[in-house]
Amino acid sequence: GVQHTIWVVDVDETIEKITGLFNDKVPCTYIADGHHRAAAAAKVSEIFPESEDAKYFLTTIFPASELSILDYNRVVKDLNGLSSEKFFSRLQDDFFITLSNKPVKPAQLHEFGMYLDGKWYFLTSRKGTFTEDPIGVLDVSILSKNILDKLLDIKDQRTDKRIDFVGGIRGLGELE
């Protein structure tokens, strides 16, 4: 089985040394999962600024080499009244579309896979489909803004009954 070892670091001098190393050697960290929890913790800290406990929340950090980030695929049940031809026509305003002879697993930033009418396609974002801000540049933002919202009129992915999610552990074959 897997064994984990946890050390309690409660000596101020050691905490300062570790904090200094992070400041010097780790220019940034990314939240791979739990961004809603982090945002909620930040709000609690704002609401209770006098509370020492509200200034912290439990987290863990792993090096990228130790992570395996799985797909989080969207399954859309209809094209919002568009024919496939009309959908493709409007889609190519914002994306380069390339037919693939096998399931598409994007390997680069701003690249997407799409399965429609029994065929797989690579979609690559055209210039102007995203902004350079930290949120606008994310693939999830590009997908939401340019396809789900703009073409398919899916405004809230959490509540719209026309969209579902298939976790990457189930594989791309599950999408066919």
N, C-alpha and C. Protein backbone atom coordinates (compact mmCIF):
# COMPACT_ATOMS: atom_id res chain seq x y z
N GLY A 1 0.80 -1.19 0.00
CA GLY A 1 0.00 0.00 0.00
C GLY A 1 0.85 1.26 0.00
N VAL A 2 0.19 2.35 -0.07
CA VAL A 2 0.84 3.66 -0.07
C VAL A 2 0.99 4.13 1.37
N GLN A 3 2.16 4.63 1.70
CA GLN A 3 2.41 5.15 3.03
C GLN A 3 2.80 6.62 2.91
N HIS A 4 2.20 7.44 3.73
CA HIS A 4 2.50 8.86 3.76
C HIS A 4 3.11 9.20 5.11
N THR A 5 4.08 10.08 5.10
CA THR A 5 4.69 10.57 6.33
C THR A 5 4.41 12.06 6.43
N ILE A 6 3.94 12.50 7.56
CA ILE A 6 3.62 13.91 7.78
C ILE A 6 4.45 14.41 8.95
N TRP A 7 5.08 15.58 8.77
CA TRP A 7 5.86 16.19 9.83
C TRP A 7 5.17 17.46 10.30
N VAL A 8 5.11 17.63 11.58
CA VAL A 8 4.60 18.87 12.15
C VAL A 8 5.78 19.84 12.22
N VAL A 9 5.61 20.99 11.61
CA VAL A 9 6.65 22.02 11.64
C VAL A 9 6.11 23.15 12.50
N ASP A 10 6.62 23.24 13.73
CA ASP A 10 6.10 24.24 14.65
C ASP A 10 7.19 25.09 15.31
N VAL A 11 8.40 25.00 14.77
CA VAL A 11 9.50 25.82 15.27
C VAL A 11 9.60 27.04 14.37
N ASP A 12 9.47 28.23 14.97
CA ASP A 12 9.43 29.47 14.19
C ASP A 12 10.61 29.60 13.22
N GLU A 13 11.78 29.26 13.68
CA GLU A 13 12.99 29.36 12.85
C GLU A 13 12.87 28.46 11.61
N THR A 14 12.37 27.27 11.79
CA THR A 14 12.19 26.33 10.67
C THR A 14 11.11 26.82 9.72
N ILE A 15 10.03 27.33 10.27
CA ILE A 15 8.94 27.88 9.44
C ILE A 15 9.47 29.03 8.59
N GLU A 16 10.26 29.91 9.20
CA GLU A 16 10.84 31.04 8.45
C GLU A 16 11.76 30.56 7.34
N LYS A 17 12.55 29.52 7.63
CA LYS A 17 13.48 28.99 6.62
C LYS A 17 12.70 28.39 5.45
N ILE A 18 11.68 27.60 5.74
CA ILE A 18 10.86 27.00 4.68
C ILE A 18 10.15 28.08 3.88
N THR A 19 9.58 29.06 4.57
CA THR A 19 8.90 30.16 3.90
C THR A 19 9.87 30.90 2.97
N GLY A 20 11.08 31.14 3.45
CA GLY A 20 12.10 31.80 2.63
C GLY A 20 12.46 31.00 1.39
N LEU A 21 12.59 29.68 1.56
CA LEU A 21 12.89 28.82 0.41
C LEU A 21 11.77 28.89 -0.63
N PHE A 22 10.53 28.85 -0.17
CA PHE A 22 9.40 28.97 -1.11
C PHE A 22 9.42 30.32 -1.82
N ASN A 23 9.67 31.38 -1.07
CA ASN A 23 9.72 32.72 -1.68
C ASN A 23 10.80 32.80 -2.75
N ASP A 24 11.95 32.15 -2.50
CA ASP A 24 13.08 32.21 -3.43
C ASP A 24 12.98 31.22 -4.59
N LYS A 25 12.44 30.03 -4.34
CA LYS A 25 12.53 28.94 -5.32
C LYS A 25 11.22 28.58 -6.01
N VAL A 26 10.09 29.04 -5.47
CA VAL A 26 8.79 28.68 -6.05
C VAL A 26 8.09 29.99 -6.45
N PRO A 27 8.28 30.41 -7.70
CA PRO A 27 7.72 31.71 -8.11
C PRO A 27 6.20 31.76 -8.12
N CYS A 28 5.57 30.62 -8.33
CA CYS A 28 4.11 30.59 -8.32
C CYS A 28 3.63 29.17 -8.09
N THR A 29 2.41 29.06 -7.63
CA THR A 29 1.76 27.76 -7.49
C THR A 29 0.41 27.84 -8.18
N TYR A 30 -0.11 26.71 -8.58
CA TYR A 30 -1.40 26.64 -9.25
C TYR A 30 -2.32 25.73 -8.47
N ILE A 31 -3.57 26.11 -8.40
CA ILE A 31 -4.57 25.27 -7.74
C ILE A 31 -5.15 24.35 -8.81
N ALA A 32 -4.82 23.06 -8.73
CA ALA A 32 -5.31 22.09 -9.70
C ALA A 32 -6.72 21.63 -9.34
N ASP A 33 -7.03 21.62 -8.07
CA ASP A 33 -8.36 21.24 -7.61
C ASP A 33 -8.59 21.96 -6.29
N GLY A 34 -9.79 22.45 -6.09
CA GLY A 34 -10.11 23.11 -4.84
C GLY A 34 -10.13 24.62 -4.91
N HIS A 35 -10.21 25.17 -6.13
CA HIS A 35 -10.21 26.64 -6.24
C HIS A 35 -11.44 27.26 -5.58
N HIS A 36 -12.57 26.54 -5.57
CA HIS A 36 -13.75 27.07 -4.90
C HIS A 36 -13.54 27.12 -3.38
N ARG A 37 -12.86 26.10 -2.86
CA ARG A 37 -12.55 26.04 -1.43
C ARG A 37 -11.60 27.18 -1.06
N ALA A 38 -10.62 27.44 -1.91
CA ALA A 38 -9.67 28.53 -1.65
C ALA A 38 -10.38 29.88 -1.67
N ALA A 39 -11.27 30.07 -2.63
CA ALA A 39 -12.02 31.33 -2.71
C ALA A 39 -12.91 31.51 -1.48
N ALA A 40 -13.54 30.43 -1.04
CA ALA A 40 -14.40 30.50 0.15
C ALA A 40 -13.56 30.84 1.38
N ALA A 41 -12.38 30.25 1.49
CA ALA A 41 -11.50 30.55 2.63
C ALA A 41 -11.08 32.02 2.61
N ALA A 42 -10.81 32.56 1.44
CA ALA A 42 -10.45 33.98 1.33
C ALA A 42 -11.60 34.87 1.78
N LYS A 43 -12.83 34.50 1.42
CA LYS A 43 -14.00 35.28 1.84
C LYS A 43 -14.19 35.24 3.35
N VAL A 44 -14.01 34.06 3.93
CA VAL A 44 -14.13 33.93 5.39
C VAL A 44 -13.09 34.82 6.07
N SER A 45 -11.89 34.85 5.53
CA SER A 45 -10.83 35.69 6.09
C SER A 45 -11.20 37.17 6.03
N GLU A 46 -11.86 37.58 4.94
CA GLU A 46 -12.31 38.98 4.82
C GLU A 46 -13.43 39.30 5.81
N ILE A 47 -14.32 38.35 6.01
CA ILE A 47 -15.46 38.56 6.91
C ILE A 47 -15.01 38.62 8.37
N PHE A 48 -14.01 37.81 8.71
CA PHE A 48 -13.52 37.73 10.09
C PHE A 48 -12.03 38.11 10.16
N PRO A 49 -11.69 39.36 9.87
CA PRO A 49 -10.27 39.74 9.83
C PRO A 49 -9.57 39.63 11.19
N GLU A 50 -10.34 39.66 12.26
CA GLU A 50 -9.74 39.58 13.59
C GLU A 50 -9.45 38.13 14.01
N SER A 51 -9.98 37.17 13.28
CA SER A 51 -9.81 35.76 13.64
C SER A 51 -8.50 35.21 13.07
N GLU A 52 -7.63 34.76 13.94
CA GLU A 52 -6.36 34.18 13.51
C GLU A 52 -6.61 32.90 12.70
N ASP A 53 -7.58 32.09 13.13
CA ASP A 53 -7.89 30.85 12.42
C ASP A 53 -8.39 31.09 11.00
N ALA A 54 -9.08 32.19 10.78
CA ALA A 54 -9.65 32.48 9.46
C ALA A 54 -8.59 32.89 8.44
N LYS A 55 -7.38 33.10 8.90
CA LYS A 55 -6.31 33.52 7.98
C LYS A 55 -5.65 32.33 7.27
N TYR A 56 -6.02 31.13 7.64
CA TYR A 56 -5.35 29.95 7.11
C TYR A 56 -6.36 28.90 6.67
N PHE A 57 -5.94 28.06 5.72
CA PHE A 57 -6.71 26.86 5.42
C PHE A 57 -5.74 25.76 5.00
N LEU A 58 -6.14 24.54 5.23
CA LEU A 58 -5.28 23.39 4.97
C LEU A 58 -5.12 23.17 3.47
N THR A 59 -3.89 22.95 3.07
CA THR A 59 -3.61 22.68 1.66
C THR A 59 -2.39 21.78 1.58
N THR A 60 -2.11 21.32 0.40
CA THR A 60 -0.91 20.53 0.16
C THR A 60 -0.36 20.93 -1.20
N ILE A 61 0.93 20.79 -1.37
CA ILE A 61 1.58 21.18 -2.62
C ILE A 61 2.38 19.98 -3.13
N PHE A 62 2.22 19.71 -4.43
CA PHE A 62 2.96 18.64 -5.09
C PHE A 62 3.72 19.21 -6.28
N PRO A 63 4.89 18.67 -6.58
CA PRO A 63 5.57 19.12 -7.80
C PRO A 63 4.80 18.62 -9.04
N ALA A 64 4.89 19.38 -10.12
CA ALA A 64 4.18 19.02 -11.35
C ALA A 64 4.55 17.61 -11.81
N SER A 65 5.78 17.20 -11.57
CA SER A 65 6.23 15.87 -12.00
C SER A 65 5.49 14.75 -11.28
N GLU A 66 4.85 15.06 -10.17
CA GLU A 66 4.12 14.06 -9.39
C GLU A 66 2.61 14.09 -9.64
N LEU A 67 2.17 14.96 -10.55
CA LEU A 67 0.74 15.11 -10.81
C LEU A 67 0.34 14.44 -12.11
N SER A 68 -0.85 13.96 -12.12
CA SER A 68 -1.48 13.47 -13.35
C SER A 68 -2.86 14.11 -13.39
N ILE A 69 -3.00 15.11 -14.25
CA ILE A 69 -4.27 15.82 -14.34
C ILE A 69 -5.09 15.17 -15.44
N LEU A 70 -6.24 14.64 -15.06
CA LEU A 70 -7.09 13.92 -16.00
C LEU A 70 -8.04 14.86 -16.73
N ASP A 71 -8.53 14.38 -17.85
CA ASP A 71 -9.51 15.14 -18.64
C ASP A 71 -10.76 15.42 -17.82
N TYR A 72 -11.42 16.47 -18.19
CA TYR A 72 -12.74 16.80 -17.63
C TYR A 72 -13.59 17.19 -18.83
N ASN A 73 -14.16 16.18 -19.47
CA ASN A 73 -14.86 16.37 -20.74
C ASN A 73 -16.30 16.79 -20.55
N ARG A 74 -16.76 17.61 -21.49
CA ARG A 74 -18.15 18.05 -21.50
C ARG A 74 -18.89 17.29 -22.60
N VAL A 75 -20.09 16.86 -22.27
CA VAL A 75 -20.97 16.22 -23.25
C VAL A 75 -22.19 17.12 -23.38
N VAL A 76 -22.39 17.64 -24.59
CA VAL A 76 -23.52 18.53 -24.85
C VAL A 76 -24.56 17.74 -25.62
N LYS A 77 -25.80 17.83 -25.18
CA LYS A 77 -26.86 16.98 -25.71
C LYS A 77 -27.50 17.48 -27.00
N ASP A 78 -27.32 18.78 -27.34
CA ASP A 78 -27.88 19.29 -28.60
C ASP A 78 -27.07 20.49 -29.06
N LEU A 79 -27.31 20.93 -30.27
CA LEU A 79 -26.58 22.06 -30.86
C LEU A 79 -27.37 23.36 -30.81
N ASN A 80 -28.29 23.46 -29.87
CA ASN A 80 -29.07 24.68 -29.67
C ASN A 80 -29.86 25.06 -30.92
N GLY A 81 -30.41 24.04 -31.59
CA GLY A 81 -31.23 24.29 -32.78
C GLY A 81 -30.44 24.47 -34.06
N LEU A 82 -29.11 24.42 -33.99
CA LEU A 82 -28.28 24.56 -35.19
C LEU A 82 -28.10 23.21 -35.87
N SER A 83 -28.05 23.20 -37.18
CA SER A 83 -27.66 21.99 -37.90
C SER A 83 -26.15 21.82 -37.70
N SER A 84 -25.64 20.63 -37.96
CA SER A 84 -24.19 20.41 -37.84
C SER A 84 -23.44 21.36 -38.77
N GLU A 85 -23.96 21.54 -39.97
CA GLU A 85 -23.30 22.42 -40.95
C GLU A 85 -23.24 23.86 -40.43
N LYS A 86 -24.34 24.36 -39.90
CA LYS A 86 -24.38 25.73 -39.38
C LYS A 86 -23.47 25.86 -38.16
N PHE A 87 -23.47 24.85 -37.31
CA PHE A 87 -22.60 24.85 -36.13
C PHE A 87 -21.13 24.94 -36.55
N PHE A 88 -20.73 24.08 -37.51
CA PHE A 88 -19.35 24.11 -38.00
C PHE A 88 -19.01 25.46 -38.62
N SER A 89 -19.94 26.01 -39.37
CA SER A 89 -19.73 27.30 -40.02
C SER A 89 -19.45 28.40 -38.99
N ARG A 90 -20.24 28.42 -37.94
CA ARG A 90 -20.06 29.43 -36.89
C ARG A 90 -18.83 29.12 -36.04
N LEU A 91 -18.55 27.84 -35.83
CA LEU A 91 -17.41 27.43 -35.02
C LEU A 91 -16.09 27.86 -35.67
N GLN A 92 -16.02 27.78 -36.99
CA GLN A 92 -14.75 28.13 -37.65
C GLN A 92 -14.46 29.63 -37.65
N ASP A 93 -15.39 30.43 -37.19
CA ASP A 93 -15.08 31.85 -36.97
C ASP A 93 -14.05 32.02 -35.85
N ASP A 94 -14.09 31.12 -34.87
CA ASP A 94 -13.23 31.23 -33.69
C ASP A 94 -12.18 30.12 -33.57
N PHE A 95 -12.30 29.06 -34.37
CA PHE A 95 -11.39 27.93 -34.24
C PHE A 95 -10.97 27.40 -35.61
N PHE A 96 -9.73 26.94 -35.69
CA PHE A 96 -9.30 26.15 -36.83
C PHE A 96 -9.81 24.74 -36.56
N ILE A 97 -10.43 24.09 -37.53
CA ILE A 97 -11.03 22.77 -37.34
C ILE A 97 -10.30 21.78 -38.24
N THR A 98 -9.81 20.68 -37.64
CA THR A 98 -9.10 19.65 -38.39
C THR A 98 -9.71 18.29 -38.06
N LEU A 99 -10.12 17.55 -39.07
CA LEU A 99 -10.67 16.21 -38.89
C LEU A 99 -9.56 15.27 -38.42
N SER A 100 -9.89 14.38 -37.50
CA SER A 100 -8.92 13.40 -36.99
C SER A 100 -9.46 12.00 -37.22
N ASN A 101 -8.56 11.06 -37.50
CA ASN A 101 -9.00 9.67 -37.71
C ASN A 101 -8.99 8.86 -36.42
N LYS A 102 -8.75 9.53 -35.29
CA LYS A 102 -8.76 8.84 -33.99
C LYS A 102 -9.22 9.82 -32.91
N PRO A 103 -9.55 9.32 -31.73
CA PRO A 103 -9.97 10.21 -30.64
C PRO A 103 -8.91 11.28 -30.37
N VAL A 104 -9.37 12.48 -30.08
CA VAL A 104 -8.49 13.63 -29.89
C VAL A 104 -8.29 13.90 -28.41
N LYS A 105 -7.04 13.85 -28.01
CA LYS A 105 -6.65 14.24 -26.65
C LYS A 105 -5.72 15.44 -26.80
N PRO A 106 -6.22 16.64 -26.53
CA PRO A 106 -5.41 17.84 -26.74
C PRO A 106 -4.07 17.76 -26.00
N ALA A 107 -3.02 18.22 -26.69
CA ALA A 107 -1.68 18.17 -26.12
C ALA A 107 -1.09 19.56 -25.92
N GLN A 108 -1.76 20.58 -26.45
CA GLN A 108 -1.24 21.93 -26.37
C GLN A 108 -2.29 22.89 -25.83
N LEU A 109 -1.80 24.00 -25.32
CA LEU A 109 -2.68 25.05 -24.85
C LEU A 109 -3.54 25.55 -26.00
N HIS A 110 -4.80 25.82 -25.72
CA HIS A 110 -5.77 26.37 -26.68
C HIS A 110 -6.14 25.37 -27.78
N GLU A 111 -5.96 24.10 -27.50
CA GLU A 111 -6.36 23.04 -28.43
C GLU A 111 -7.43 22.21 -27.74
N PHE A 112 -8.44 21.82 -28.51
CA PHE A 112 -9.58 21.08 -27.96
C PHE A 112 -9.88 19.90 -28.87
N GLY A 113 -10.54 18.89 -28.30
CA GLY A 113 -11.06 17.79 -29.09
C GLY A 113 -12.57 17.87 -29.11
N MET A 114 -13.16 17.47 -30.23
CA MET A 114 -14.62 17.48 -30.33
C MET A 114 -15.05 16.23 -31.09
N TYR A 115 -16.09 15.59 -30.59
CA TYR A 115 -16.68 14.43 -31.24
C TYR A 115 -18.09 14.82 -31.65
N LEU A 116 -18.35 14.80 -32.95
CA LEU A 116 -19.66 15.20 -33.45
C LEU A 116 -19.99 14.39 -34.70
N ASP A 117 -21.20 13.87 -34.74
CA ASP A 117 -21.67 13.09 -35.89
C ASP A 117 -20.74 11.93 -36.24
N GLY A 118 -20.23 11.26 -35.20
CA GLY A 118 -19.41 10.07 -35.40
C GLY A 118 -17.97 10.34 -35.81
N LYS A 119 -17.51 11.58 -35.73
CA LYS A 119 -16.15 11.92 -36.13
C LYS A 119 -15.48 12.79 -35.07
N TRP A 120 -14.16 12.65 -34.99
CA TRP A 120 -13.35 13.44 -34.07
C TRP A 120 -12.70 14.60 -34.80
N TYR A 121 -12.56 15.72 -34.09
CA TYR A 121 -11.96 16.93 -34.66
C TYR A 121 -11.02 17.57 -33.65
N PHE A 122 -9.93 18.15 -34.18
CA PHE A 122 -9.10 19.06 -33.40
C PHE A 122 -9.66 20.46 -33.60
N LEU A 123 -9.80 21.20 -32.53
CA LEU A 123 -10.16 22.61 -32.59
C LEU A 123 -8.99 23.39 -32.00
N THR A 124 -8.53 24.39 -32.73
CA THR A 124 -7.45 25.25 -32.24
C THR A 124 -7.95 26.68 -32.23
N SER A 125 -7.83 27.33 -31.10
CA SER A 125 -8.33 28.70 -30.94
C SER A 125 -7.65 29.66 -31.91
N ARG A 126 -8.47 30.49 -32.53
CA ARG A 126 -7.94 31.56 -33.38
C ARG A 126 -7.59 32.76 -32.50
N LYS A 127 -6.78 33.63 -33.05
CA LYS A 127 -6.45 34.87 -32.35
C LYS A 127 -7.74 35.64 -32.07
N GLY A 128 -7.83 36.19 -30.88
CA GLY A 128 -9.01 36.96 -30.51
C GLY A 128 -10.05 36.18 -29.73
N THR A 129 -9.84 34.87 -29.58
CA THR A 129 -10.81 34.06 -28.82
C THR A 129 -10.55 34.09 -27.33
N PHE A 130 -9.44 34.69 -26.92
CA PHE A 130 -9.12 34.75 -25.50
C PHE A 130 -8.37 36.04 -25.19
N THR A 131 -8.41 36.40 -23.93
CA THR A 131 -7.67 37.56 -23.46
C THR A 131 -6.44 37.07 -22.72
N GLU A 132 -5.50 37.94 -22.51
CA GLU A 132 -4.23 37.55 -21.88
C GLU A 132 -4.28 37.62 -20.35
N ASP A 133 -5.46 37.87 -19.78
CA ASP A 133 -5.53 37.89 -18.32
C ASP A 133 -5.50 36.45 -17.79
N PRO A 134 -5.20 36.26 -16.51
CA PRO A 134 -5.03 34.90 -15.97
C PRO A 134 -6.25 33.99 -16.13
N ILE A 135 -7.46 34.54 -16.18
CA ILE A 135 -8.66 33.72 -16.34
C ILE A 135 -9.00 33.55 -17.82
N GLY A 136 -8.96 34.62 -18.57
CA GLY A 136 -9.35 34.60 -19.98
C GLY A 136 -8.49 33.71 -20.84
N VAL A 137 -7.25 33.48 -20.44
CA VAL A 137 -6.33 32.67 -21.22
C VAL A 137 -6.52 31.17 -20.99
N LEU A 138 -7.27 30.80 -19.97
CA LEU A 138 -7.51 29.39 -19.65
C LEU A 138 -8.39 28.73 -20.71
N ASP A 139 -8.06 27.48 -21.03
CA ASP A 139 -8.86 26.75 -22.02
C ASP A 139 -10.32 26.63 -21.61
N VAL A 140 -10.57 26.44 -20.33
CA VAL A 140 -11.95 26.33 -19.86
C VAL A 140 -12.72 27.62 -20.14
N SER A 141 -12.05 28.76 -20.02
CA SER A 141 -12.69 30.04 -20.31
C SER A 141 -12.96 30.20 -21.81
N ILE A 142 -12.00 29.77 -22.62
CA ILE A 142 -12.16 29.84 -24.08
C ILE A 142 -13.33 28.98 -24.52
N LEU A 143 -13.40 27.77 -23.99
CA LEU A 143 -14.51 26.86 -24.31
C LEU A 143 -15.84 27.45 -23.89
N SER A 144 -15.91 27.93 -22.66
CA SER A 144 -17.17 28.48 -22.14
C SER A 144 -17.63 29.69 -22.95
N LYS A 145 -16.71 30.62 -23.18
CA LYS A 145 -17.07 31.88 -23.85
C LYS A 145 -17.42 31.68 -25.33
N ASN A 146 -16.61 30.91 -26.06
CA ASN A 146 -16.72 30.86 -27.51
C ASN A 146 -17.58 29.73 -28.06
N ILE A 147 -17.82 28.70 -27.26
CA ILE A 147 -18.65 27.59 -27.75
C ILE A 147 -19.89 27.43 -26.89
N LEU A 148 -19.70 27.13 -25.61
CA LEU A 148 -20.85 26.82 -24.76
C LEU A 148 -21.81 28.00 -24.66
N ASP A 149 -21.31 29.18 -24.39
CA ASP A 149 -22.16 30.36 -24.24
C ASP A 149 -22.57 30.92 -25.61
N LYS A 150 -21.60 31.26 -26.42
CA LYS A 150 -21.84 31.96 -27.68
C LYS A 150 -22.65 31.14 -28.69
N LEU A 151 -22.28 29.88 -28.89
CA LEU A 151 -22.95 29.07 -29.91
C LEU A 151 -24.10 28.23 -29.37
N LEU A 152 -23.91 27.68 -28.18
CA LEU A 152 -24.88 26.72 -27.65
C LEU A 152 -25.80 27.31 -26.59
N ASP A 153 -25.60 28.55 -26.22
CA ASP A 153 -26.44 29.26 -25.25
C ASP A 153 -26.50 28.54 -23.90
N ILE A 154 -25.38 27.95 -23.51
CA ILE A 154 -25.27 27.33 -22.19
C ILE A 154 -24.59 28.35 -21.29
N LYS A 155 -25.38 29.01 -20.47
CA LYS A 155 -24.90 30.11 -19.63
C LYS A 155 -24.36 29.62 -18.29
N ASP A 156 -24.98 28.59 -17.73
CA ASP A 156 -24.57 28.06 -16.43
C ASP A 156 -24.39 26.55 -16.57
N GLN A 157 -23.14 26.11 -16.64
CA GLN A 157 -22.85 24.69 -16.84
C GLN A 157 -23.29 23.82 -15.68
N ARG A 158 -23.44 24.42 -14.51
CA ARG A 158 -23.84 23.63 -13.34
C ARG A 158 -25.32 23.29 -13.36
N THR A 159 -26.14 24.14 -13.99
CA THR A 159 -27.59 23.93 -13.92
C THR A 159 -28.24 23.59 -15.26
N ASP A 160 -27.56 23.85 -16.37
CA ASP A 160 -28.15 23.58 -17.68
C ASP A 160 -28.23 22.07 -17.90
N LYS A 161 -29.40 21.59 -18.20
CA LYS A 161 -29.63 20.14 -18.37
C LYS A 161 -29.06 19.60 -19.67
N ARG A 162 -28.61 20.49 -20.57
CA ARG A 162 -28.09 20.05 -21.86
C ARG A 162 -26.61 19.71 -21.83
N ILE A 163 -25.98 19.88 -20.67
CA ILE A 163 -24.55 19.58 -20.59
C ILE A 163 -24.30 18.62 -19.43
N ASP A 164 -23.37 17.71 -19.66
CA ASP A 164 -22.97 16.75 -18.64
C ASP A 164 -21.45 16.64 -18.68
N PHE A 165 -20.89 15.98 -17.70
CA PHE A 165 -19.44 15.89 -17.61
C PHE A 165 -19.02 14.43 -17.52
N VAL A 166 -17.92 14.11 -18.18
CA VAL A 166 -17.36 12.76 -18.16
C VAL A 166 -15.91 12.91 -17.70
N GLY A 167 -15.62 12.37 -16.52
CA GLY A 167 -14.27 12.46 -15.98
C GLY A 167 -13.28 11.67 -16.81
N GLY A 168 -12.04 12.13 -16.84
CA GLY A 168 -11.00 11.54 -17.67
C GLY A 168 -10.69 10.09 -17.37
N ILE A 169 -10.96 9.65 -16.15
CA ILE A 169 -10.67 8.26 -15.80
C ILE A 169 -11.53 7.29 -16.62
N ARG A 170 -12.65 7.78 -17.13
CA ARG A 170 -13.54 6.94 -17.93
C ARG A 170 -13.09 6.82 -19.38
N GLY A 171 -12.17 7.65 -19.81
CA GLY A 171 -11.58 7.55 -21.14
C GLY A 171 -12.38 8.24 -22.23
N LEU A 172 -11.71 8.54 -23.34
CA LEU A 172 -12.35 9.23 -24.46
C LEU A 172 -13.40 8.37 -25.15
N GLY A 173 -13.24 7.04 -25.10
CA GLY A 173 -14.21 6.15 -25.71
C GLY A 173 -15.61 6.32 -25.14
N GLU A 174 -15.68 6.77 -23.90
CA GLU A 174 -16.97 7.02 -23.24
C GLU A 174 -17.74 8.15 -23.94
N LEU A 175 -17.04 8.99 -24.67
CA LEU A 175 -17.67 10.13 -25.34
C LEU A 175 -18.33 9.73 -26.65
N GLU A 176 -17.93 8.62 -27.22
CA GLU A 176 -18.45 8.21 -28.53
C GLU A 176 -19.84 7.63 -28.44
